[in-house]
Amino acid sequence: MPWMPARSADKLVISQCMKLEKGKVIRVESFKGDRWIEIRKLDENNYEITEKGYNNTTYNITSEDLKSLIRKLFDIEFPRSHQVRVNITS
């Protein structure tokens, strides 16, 4: 997917995570590419989220915690970003 507004990207990413196939990855990058969030679906209800930029952390979460964590990470990693790039890969 090409560039999209950062403020609406979190809603798209959350909905795409629910539809994501096992093993696929969604990557959200800043304009410069120096900050990104990668969401990998491990199985039906578990995800691994890798954050690189302000914090360099990996989270293992369930689908219940997905929405709140993604919104929190968007606020931390992309506070002044107007556009982000969203890619879905295997």
PDB file of N, CA and C in Angstrom:
ATOM      1  N   MET A   1       0.843  -1.177   0.000  1.00  0.00           N
ATOM      2  CA  MET A   1       0.000   0.000   0.000  1.00  0.00           C
ATOM      3  C   MET A   1       0.886   1.236   0.000  1.00  0.00           C
ATOM      4  N   PRO A   2       0.474   2.256  -0.648  1.00  0.00           N
ATOM      5  CA  PRO A   2       1.292   3.469  -0.699  1.00  0.00           C
ATOM      6  C   PRO A   2       1.167   4.277   0.589  1.00  0.00           C
ATOM      7  N   TRP A   3       1.584   5.530   0.490  1.00  0.00           N
ATOM      8  CA  TRP A   3       1.510   6.442   1.625  1.00  0.00           C
ATOM      9  C   TRP A   3       0.063   6.684   2.011  1.00  0.00           C
ATOM     10  N   MET A   4      -0.153   6.859   3.300  1.00  0.00           N
ATOM     11  CA  MET A   4      -1.497   7.176   3.775  1.00  0.00           C
ATOM     12  C   MET A   4      -1.393   8.062   5.009  1.00  0.00           C
ATOM     13  N   PRO A   5      -2.473   8.785   5.337  1.00  0.00           N
ATOM     14  CA  PRO A   5      -2.439   9.656   6.516  1.00  0.00           C
ATOM     15  C   PRO A   5      -2.189   8.844   7.788  1.00  0.00           C
ATOM     16  N   ALA A   6      -1.313   9.344   8.631  1.00  0.00           N
ATOM     17  CA  ALA A   6      -0.937   8.619   9.844  1.00  0.00           C
ATOM     18  C   ALA A   6      -2.103   8.484  10.814  1.00  0.00           C
ATOM     19  N   ARG A   7      -2.977   9.457  10.857  1.00  0.00           N
ATOM     20  CA  ARG A   7      -4.078   9.428  11.821  1.00  0.00           C
ATOM     21  C   ARG A   7      -5.150   8.404  11.470  1.00  0.00           C
ATOM     22  N   SER A   8      -5.254   8.009  10.212  1.00  0.00           N
ATOM     23  CA  SER A   8      -6.231   6.981   9.849  1.00  0.00           C
ATOM     24  C   SER A   8      -5.569   5.623   9.622  1.00  0.00           C
ATOM     25  N   ALA A   9      -4.250   5.583   9.625  1.00  0.00           N
ATOM     26  CA  ALA A   9      -3.538   4.333   9.359  1.00  0.00           C
ATOM     27  C   ALA A   9      -3.721   3.320  10.481  1.00  0.00           C
ATOM     28  N   ASP A  10      -3.865   3.788  11.719  1.00  0.00           N
ATOM     29  CA  ASP A  10      -4.014   2.833  12.818  1.00  0.00           C
ATOM     30  C   ASP A  10      -5.287   2.007  12.687  1.00  0.00           C
ATOM     31  N   LYS A  11      -6.363   2.625  12.235  1.00  0.00           N
ATOM     32  CA  LYS A  11      -7.621   1.887  12.042  1.00  0.00           C
ATOM     33  C   LYS A  11      -7.469   0.841  10.938  1.00  0.00           C
ATOM     34  N   LEU A  12      -6.790   1.209   9.855  1.00  0.00           N
ATOM     35  CA  LEU A  12      -6.559   0.270   8.761  1.00  0.00           C
ATOM     36  C   LEU A  12      -5.674  -0.891   9.212  1.00  0.00           C
ATOM     37  N   VAL A  13      -4.627  -0.585   9.948  1.00  0.00           N
ATOM     38  CA  VAL A  13      -3.694  -1.618  10.398  1.00  0.00           C
ATOM     39  C   VAL A  13      -4.399  -2.600  11.333  1.00  0.00           C
ATOM     40  N   ILE A  14      -5.222  -2.095  12.232  1.00  0.00           N
ATOM     41  CA  ILE A  14      -5.951  -2.973  13.154  1.00  0.00           C
ATOM     42  C   ILE A  14      -6.882  -3.901  12.382  1.00  0.00           C
ATOM     43  N   SER A  15      -7.607  -3.359  11.415  1.00  0.00           N
ATOM     44  CA  SER A  15      -8.528  -4.209  10.647  1.00  0.00           C
ATOM     45  C   SER A  15      -7.768  -5.214   9.780  1.00  0.00           C
ATOM     46  N   GLN A  16      -6.623  -4.810   9.219  1.00  0.00           N
ATOM     47  CA  GLN A  16      -5.824  -5.734   8.414  1.00  0.00           C
ATOM     48  C   GLN A  16      -5.191  -6.833   9.267  1.00  0.00           C
ATOM     49  N   CYS A  17      -4.866  -6.524  10.514  1.00  0.00           N
ATOM     50  CA  CYS A  17      -4.298  -7.538  11.410  1.00  0.00           C
ATOM     51  C   CYS A  17      -5.290  -8.655  11.674  1.00  0.00           C
ATOM     52  N   MET A  18      -6.558  -8.312  11.800  1.00  0.00           N
ATOM     53  CA  MET A  18      -7.578  -9.327  12.051  1.00  0.00           C
ATOM     54  C   MET A  18      -7.747 -10.258  10.841  1.00  0.00           C
ATOM     55  N   LYS A  19      -7.500  -9.749   9.634  1.00  0.00           N
ATOM     56  CA  LYS A  19      -7.644 -10.533   8.406  1.00  0.00           C
ATOM     57  C   LYS A  19      -6.342 -11.221   7.989  1.00  0.00           C
ATOM     58  N   LEU A  20      -5.259 -10.892   8.665  1.00  0.00           N
ATOM     59  CA  LEU A  20      -3.932 -11.362   8.280  1.00  0.00           C
ATOM     60  C   LEU A  20      -3.826 -12.884   8.396  1.00  0.00           C
ATOM     61  N   GLU A  21      -3.143 -13.492   7.438  1.00  0.00           N
ATOM     62  CA  GLU A  21      -2.896 -14.932   7.479  1.00  0.00           C
ATOM     63  C   GLU A  21      -1.700 -15.212   8.383  1.00  0.00           C
ATOM     64  N   LYS A  22      -1.662 -16.414   8.927  1.00  0.00           N
ATOM     65  CA  LYS A  22      -0.574 -16.820   9.815  1.00  0.00           C
ATOM     66  C   LYS A  22       0.766 -16.702   9.091  1.00  0.00           C
ATOM     67  N   GLY A  23       1.738 -16.062   9.745  1.00  0.00           N
ATOM     68  CA  GLY A  23       3.064 -15.899   9.174  1.00  0.00           C
ATOM     69  C   GLY A  23       3.263 -14.630   8.371  1.00  0.00           C
ATOM     70  N   LYS A  24       2.197 -13.938   7.998  1.00  0.00           N
ATOM     71  CA  LYS A  24       2.309 -12.693   7.226  1.00  0.00           C
ATOM     72  C   LYS A  24       2.684 -11.538   8.156  1.00  0.00           C
ATOM     73  N   VAL A  25       3.237 -10.473   7.565  1.00  0.00           N
ATOM     74  CA  VAL A  25       3.734  -9.334   8.333  1.00  0.00           C
ATOM     75  C   VAL A  25       3.173  -8.040   7.768  1.00  0.00           C
ATOM     76  N   ILE A  26       2.738  -7.157   8.655  1.00  0.00           N
ATOM     77  CA  ILE A  26       2.369  -5.791   8.280  1.00  0.00           C
ATOM     78  C   ILE A  26       3.457  -4.884   8.829  1.00  0.00           C
ATOM     79  N   ARG A  27       4.006  -4.033   7.964  1.00  0.00           N
ATOM     80  CA  ARG A  27       5.059  -3.101   8.387  1.00  0.00           C
ATOM     81  C   ARG A  27       4.592  -1.681   8.124  1.00  0.00           C
ATOM     82  N   VAL A  28       4.679  -0.843   9.144  1.00  0.00           N
ATOM     83  CA  VAL A  28       4.311   0.566   9.051  1.00  0.00           C
ATOM     84  C   VAL A  28       5.588   1.367   9.262  1.00  0.00           C
ATOM     85  N   GLU A  29       5.931   2.222   8.285  1.00  0.00           N
ATOM     86  CA  GLU A  29       7.185   2.976   8.329  1.00  0.00           C
ATOM     87  C   GLU A  29       6.925   4.469   8.303  1.00  0.00           C
ATOM     88  N   SER A  30       7.832   5.215   8.922  1.00  0.00           N
ATOM     89  CA  SER A  30       7.791   6.669   8.823  1.00  0.00           C
ATOM     90  C   SER A  30       8.293   7.094   7.443  1.00  0.00           C
ATOM     91  N   PHE A  31       8.188   8.371   7.135  1.00  0.00           N
ATOM     92  CA  PHE A  31       8.605   8.875   5.827  1.00  0.00           C
ATOM     93  C   PHE A  31      10.089   8.608   5.580  1.00  0.00           C
ATOM     94  N   LYS A  32      10.928   8.877   6.573  1.00  0.00           N
ATOM     95  CA  LYS A  32      12.364   8.678   6.415  1.00  0.00           C
ATOM     96  C   LYS A  32      12.762   7.208   6.500  1.00  0.00           C
ATOM     97  N   GLY A  33      11.895   6.383   7.027  1.00  0.00           N
ATOM     98  CA  GLY A  33      12.192   4.964   7.142  1.00  0.00           C
ATOM     99  C   GLY A  33      13.024   4.606   8.353  1.00  0.00           C
ATOM    100  N   ASP A  34      13.292   5.582   9.225  1.00  0.00           N
ATOM    101  CA  ASP A  34      14.110   5.306  10.394  1.00  0.00           C
ATOM    102  C   ASP A  34      13.297   4.778  11.575  1.00  0.00           C
ATOM    103  N   ARG A  35      11.991   4.851  11.498  1.00  0.00           N
ATOM    104  CA  ARG A  35      11.111   4.322  12.539  1.00  0.00           C
ATOM    105  C   ARG A  35      10.091   3.412  11.888  1.00  0.00           C
ATOM    106  N   TRP A  36       9.855   2.254  12.502  1.00  0.00           N
ATOM    107  CA  TRP A  36       8.854   1.354  11.950  1.00  0.00           C
ATOM    108  C   TRP A  36       8.290   0.437  13.017  1.00  0.00           C
ATOM    109  N   ILE A  37       7.121  -0.111  12.708  1.00  0.00           N
ATOM    110  CA  ILE A  37       6.445  -1.102  13.541  1.00  0.00           C
ATOM    111  C   ILE A  37       6.124  -2.279  12.635  1.00  0.00           C
ATOM    112  N   GLU A  38       6.462  -3.487  13.086  1.00  0.00           N
ATOM    113  CA  GLU A  38       6.179  -4.696  12.323  1.00  0.00           C
ATOM    114  C   GLU A  38       5.267  -5.597  13.144  1.00  0.00           C
ATOM    115  N   ILE A  39       4.174  -6.034  12.545  1.00  0.00           N
ATOM    116  CA  ILE A  39       3.205  -6.889  13.225  1.00  0.00           C
ATOM    117  C   ILE A  39       3.164  -8.222  12.487  1.00  0.00           C
ATOM    118  N   ARG A  40       3.512  -9.298  13.191  1.00  0.00           N
ATOM    119  CA  ARG A  40       3.536 -10.647  12.611  1.00  0.00           C
ATOM    120  C   ARG A  40       2.486 -11.494  13.324  1.00  0.00           C
ATOM    121  N   LYS A  41       1.648 -12.158  12.532  1.00  0.00           N
ATOM    122  CA  LYS A  41       0.633 -13.035  13.114  1.00  0.00           C
ATOM    123  C   LYS A  41       1.251 -14.409  13.350  1.00  0.00           C
ATOM    124  N   LEU A  42       1.288 -14.826  14.614  1.00  0.00           N
ATOM    125  CA  LEU A  42       1.897 -16.105  14.976  1.00  0.00           C
ATOM    126  C   LEU A  42       0.914 -17.253  14.841  1.00  0.00           C
ATOM    127  N   ASP A  43      -0.291 -17.064  15.349  1.00  0.00           N
ATOM    128  CA  ASP A  43      -1.366 -18.039  15.178  1.00  0.00           C
ATOM    129  C   ASP A  43      -2.696 -17.298  15.273  1.00  0.00           C
ATOM    130  N   GLU A  44      -3.770 -18.007  15.506  1.00  0.00           N
ATOM    131  CA  GLU A  44      -5.110 -17.407  15.420  1.00  0.00           C
ATOM    132  C   GLU A  44      -5.288 -16.174  16.308  1.00  0.00           C
ATOM    133  N   ASN A  45      -4.752 -16.191  17.532  1.00  0.00           N
ATOM    134  CA  ASN A  45      -4.982 -15.087  18.465  1.00  0.00           C
ATOM    135  C   ASN A  45      -3.711 -14.433  18.977  1.00  0.00           C
ATOM    136  N   ASN A  46      -2.550 -14.792  18.481  1.00  0.00           N
ATOM    137  CA  ASN A  46      -1.298 -14.258  19.004  1.00  0.00           C
ATOM    138  C   ASN A  46      -0.522 -13.516  17.924  1.00  0.00           C
ATOM    139  N   TYR A  47       0.071 -12.402  18.351  1.00  0.00           N
ATOM    140  CA  TYR A  47       0.832 -11.546  17.450  1.00  0.00           C
ATOM    141  C   TYR A  47       2.169 -11.208  18.089  1.00  0.00           C
ATOM    142  N   GLU A  48       3.163 -10.966  17.232  1.00  0.00           N
ATOM    143  CA  GLU A  48       4.451 -10.450  17.673  1.00  0.00           C
ATOM    144  C   GLU A  48       4.615  -9.074  17.038  1.00  0.00           C
ATOM    145  N   ILE A  49       4.823  -8.066  17.867  1.00  0.00           N
ATOM    146  CA  ILE A  49       4.988  -6.701  17.370  1.00  0.00           C
ATOM    147  C   ILE A  49       6.408  -6.253  17.681  1.00  0.00           C
ATOM    148  N   THR A  50       7.130  -5.846  16.642  1.00  0.00           N
ATOM    149  CA  THR A  50       8.486  -5.337  16.784  1.00  0.00           C
ATOM    150  C   THR A  50       8.457  -3.843  16.527  1.00  0.00           C
ATOM    151  N   GLU A  51       8.993  -3.096  17.470  1.00  0.00           N
ATOM    152  CA  GLU A  51       9.026  -1.632  17.380  1.00  0.00           C
ATOM    153  C   GLU A  51      10.484  -1.207  17.247  1.00  0.00           C
ATOM    154  N   LYS A  52      10.788  -0.399  16.227  1.00  0.00           N
ATOM    155  CA  LYS A  52      12.145   0.112  16.055  1.00  0.00           C
ATOM    156  C   LYS A  52      12.062   1.609  15.802  1.00  0.00           C
ATOM    157  N   GLY A  53      12.785   2.356  16.565  1.00  0.00           N
ATOM    158  CA  GLY A  53      12.781   3.805  16.428  1.00  0.00           C
ATOM    159  C   GLY A  53      13.052   4.433  17.773  1.00  0.00           C
ATOM    160  N   TYR A  54      12.030   5.040  18.360  1.00  0.00           N
ATOM    161  CA  TYR A  54      12.176   5.652  19.676  1.00  0.00           C
ATOM    162  C   TYR A  54      12.497   4.581  20.708  1.00  0.00           C
ATOM    163  N   ASN A  55      11.747   3.492  20.672  1.00  0.00           N
ATOM    164  CA  ASN A  55      12.021   2.308  21.494  1.00  0.00           C
ATOM    165  C   ASN A  55      12.339   1.155  20.554  1.00  0.00           C
ATOM    166  N   ASN A  56      13.193   0.256  20.998  1.00  0.00           N
ATOM    167  CA  ASN A  56      13.487  -0.957  20.236  1.00  0.00           C
ATOM    168  C   ASN A  56      13.039  -2.137  21.091  1.00  0.00           C
ATOM    169  N   THR A  57      11.803  -2.565  20.867  1.00  0.00           N
ATOM    170  CA  THR A  57      11.173  -3.552  21.733  1.00  0.00           C
ATOM    171  C   THR A  57      10.392  -4.554  20.904  1.00  0.00           C
ATOM    172  N   THR A  58      10.227  -5.752  21.436  1.00  0.00           N
ATOM    173  CA  THR A  58       9.373  -6.768  20.829  1.00  0.00           C
ATOM    174  C   THR A  58       8.313  -7.166  21.840  1.00  0.00           C
ATOM    175  N   TYR A  59       7.056  -7.190  21.392  1.00  0.00           N
ATOM    176  CA  TYR A  59       5.922  -7.556  22.241  1.00  0.00           C
ATOM    177  C   TYR A  59       5.285  -8.823  21.693  1.00  0.00           C
ATOM    178  N   ASN A  60       4.878  -9.722  22.578  1.00  0.00           N
ATOM    179  CA  ASN A  60       4.057 -10.874  22.214  1.00  0.00           C
ATOM    180  C   ASN A  60       2.717 -10.676  22.896  1.00  0.00           C
ATOM    181  N   ILE A  61       1.667 -10.472  22.093  1.00  0.00           N
ATOM    182  CA  ILE A  61       0.366 -10.121  22.653  1.00  0.00           C
ATOM    183  C   ILE A  61      -0.732 -10.973  22.034  1.00  0.00           C
ATOM    184  N   THR A  62      -1.916 -10.892  22.644  1.00  0.00           N
ATOM    185  CA  THR A  62      -3.097 -11.564  22.108  1.00  0.00           C
ATOM    186  C   THR A  62      -3.929 -10.552  21.333  1.00  0.00           C
ATOM    187  N   SER A  63      -4.934 -11.035  20.635  1.00  0.00           N
ATOM    188  CA  SER A  63      -5.769 -10.148  19.822  1.00  0.00           C
ATOM    189  C   SER A  63      -6.571  -9.166  20.675  1.00  0.00           C
ATOM    190  N   GLU A  64      -6.813  -9.487  21.962  1.00  0.00           N
ATOM    191  CA  GLU A  64      -7.544  -8.565  22.832  1.00  0.00           C
ATOM    192  C   GLU A  64      -6.736  -7.299  23.117  1.00  0.00           C
ATOM    193  N   ASP A  65      -5.407  -7.431  23.212  1.00  0.00           N
ATOM    194  CA  ASP A  65      -4.541  -6.295  23.528  1.00  0.00           C
ATOM    195  C   ASP A  65      -4.038  -5.565  22.288  1.00  0.00           C
ATOM    196  N   LEU A  66      -4.331  -6.095  21.114  1.00  0.00           N
ATOM    197  CA  LEU A  66      -3.771  -5.574  19.867  1.00  0.00           C
ATOM    198  C   LEU A  66      -4.151  -4.120  19.614  1.00  0.00           C
ATOM    199  N   LYS A  67      -5.417  -3.801  19.725  1.00  0.00           N
ATOM    200  CA  LYS A  67      -5.906  -2.464  19.385  1.00  0.00           C
ATOM    201  C   LYS A  67      -5.263  -1.386  20.261  1.00  0.00           C
ATOM    202  N   SER A  68      -5.239  -1.600  21.562  1.00  0.00           N
ATOM    203  CA  SER A  68      -4.691  -0.582  22.460  1.00  0.00           C
ATOM    204  C   SER A  68      -3.185  -0.422  22.279  1.00  0.00           C
ATOM    205  N   LEU A  69      -2.470  -1.528  22.049  1.00  0.00           N
ATOM    206  CA  LEU A  69      -1.020  -1.431  21.880  1.00  0.00           C
ATOM    207  C   LEU A  69      -0.656  -0.742  20.571  1.00  0.00           C
ATOM    208  N   ILE A  70      -1.367  -1.041  19.495  1.00  0.00           N
ATOM    209  CA  ILE A  70      -1.067  -0.395  18.214  1.00  0.00           C
ATOM    210  C   ILE A  70      -1.287   1.108  18.313  1.00  0.00           C
ATOM    211  N   ARG A  71      -2.369   1.531  18.927  1.00  0.00           N
ATOM    212  CA  ARG A  71      -2.616   2.976  19.079  1.00  0.00           C
ATOM    213  C   ARG A  71      -1.532   3.634  19.924  1.00  0.00           C
ATOM    214  N   LYS A  72      -1.112   2.961  20.986  1.00  0.00           N
ATOM    215  CA  LYS A  72      -0.048   3.493  21.841  1.00  0.00           C
ATOM    216  C   LYS A  72       1.259   3.613  21.058  1.00  0.00           C
ATOM    217  N   LEU A  73       1.596   2.574  20.276  1.00  0.00           N
ATOM    218  CA  LEU A  73       2.836   2.598  19.503  1.00  0.00           C
ATOM    219  C   LEU A  73       2.808   3.656  18.408  1.00  0.00           C
ATOM    220  N   PHE A  74       1.652   3.867  17.780  1.00  0.00           N
ATOM    221  CA  PHE A  74       1.542   4.918  16.771  1.00  0.00           C
ATOM    222  C   PHE A  74       1.814   6.281  17.396  1.00  0.00           C
ATOM    223  N   ASP A  75       1.301   6.515  18.595  1.00  0.00           N
ATOM    224  CA  ASP A  75       1.535   7.794  19.268  1.00  0.00           C
ATOM    225  C   ASP A  75       2.999   7.975  19.644  1.00  0.00           C
ATOM    226  N   ILE A  76       3.674   6.887  20.008  1.00  0.00           N
ATOM    227  CA  ILE A  76       5.085   6.972  20.394  1.00  0.00           C
ATOM    228  C   ILE A  76       5.986   7.114  19.170  1.00  0.00           C
ATOM    229  N   GLU A  77       5.792   6.273  18.169  1.00  0.00           N
ATOM    230  CA  GLU A  77       6.707   6.223  17.024  1.00  0.00           C
ATOM    231  C   GLU A  77       6.430   7.278  15.957  1.00  0.00           C
ATOM    232  N   PHE A  78       5.198   7.688  15.794  1.00  0.00           N
ATOM    233  CA  PHE A  78       4.851   8.635  14.729  1.00  0.00           C
ATOM    234  C   PHE A  78       4.114   9.854  15.289  1.00  0.00           C
ATOM    235  N   PRO A  79       4.697  10.573  16.262  1.00  0.00           N
ATOM    236  CA  PRO A  79       3.958  11.675  16.900  1.00  0.00           C
ATOM    237  C   PRO A  79       3.733  12.878  15.984  1.00  0.00           C
ATOM    238  N   ARG A  80       4.672  13.161  15.091  1.00  0.00           N
ATOM    239  CA  ARG A  80       4.549  14.329  14.212  1.00  0.00           C
ATOM    240  C   ARG A  80       4.447  13.940  12.743  1.00  0.00           C
ATOM    241  N   SER A  81       4.274  12.665  12.472  1.00  0.00           N
ATOM    242  CA  SER A  81       4.200  12.200  11.088  1.00  0.00           C
ATOM    243  C   SER A  81       2.830  12.483  10.500  1.00  0.00           C
ATOM    244  N   HIS A  82       2.823  12.959   9.273  1.00  0.00           N
ATOM    245  CA  HIS A  82       1.571  13.171   8.554  1.00  0.00           C
ATOM    246  C   HIS A  82       1.269  12.003   7.637  1.00  0.00           C
ATOM    247  N   GLN A  83       2.302  11.350   7.140  1.00  0.00           N
ATOM    248  CA  GLN A  83       2.150  10.235   6.210  1.00  0.00           C
ATOM    249  C   GLN A  83       2.984   9.054   6.712  1.00  0.00           C
ATOM    250  N   VAL A  84       2.434   7.850   6.569  1.00  0.00           N
ATOM    251  CA  VAL A  84       3.179   6.625   6.854  1.00  0.00           C
ATOM    252  C   VAL A  84       2.988   5.659   5.691  1.00  0.00           C
ATOM    253  N   ARG A  85       3.912   4.734   5.551  1.00  0.00           N
ATOM    254  CA  ARG A  85       3.828   3.714   4.509  1.00  0.00           C
ATOM    255  C   ARG A  85       3.431   2.397   5.173  1.00  0.00           C
ATOM    256  N   VAL A  86       2.445   1.708   4.599  1.00  0.00           N
ATOM    257  CA  VAL A  86       1.980   0.425   5.125  1.00  0.00           C
ATOM    258  C   VAL A  86       2.247  -0.646   4.074  1.00  0.00           C
ATOM    259  N   ASN A  87       2.991  -1.698   4.458  1.00  0.00           N
ATOM    260  CA  ASN A  87       3.306  -2.817   3.564  1.00  0.00           C
ATOM    261  C   ASN A  87       2.863  -4.118   4.209  1.00  0.00           C
ATOM    262  N   ILE A  88       2.308  -5.014   3.411  1.00  0.00           N
ATOM    263  CA  ILE A  88       1.966  -6.353   3.878  1.00  0.00           C
ATOM    264  C   ILE A  88       2.839  -7.331   3.105  1.00  0.00           C
ATOM    265  N   THR A  89       3.637  -8.126   3.847  1.00  0.00           N
ATOM    266  CA  THR A  89       4.562  -9.070   3.222  1.00  0.00           C
ATOM    267  C   THR A  89       4.447 -10.434   3.886  1.00  0.00           C
ATOM    268  N   SER A  90       5.173 -11.386   3.335  1.00  0.00           N
ATOM    269  CA  SER A  90       5.167 -12.734   3.926  1.00  0.00           C
ATOM    270  C   SER A  90       6.456 -12.990   4.675  1.00  0.00           C
TER     271      SER A  90
END
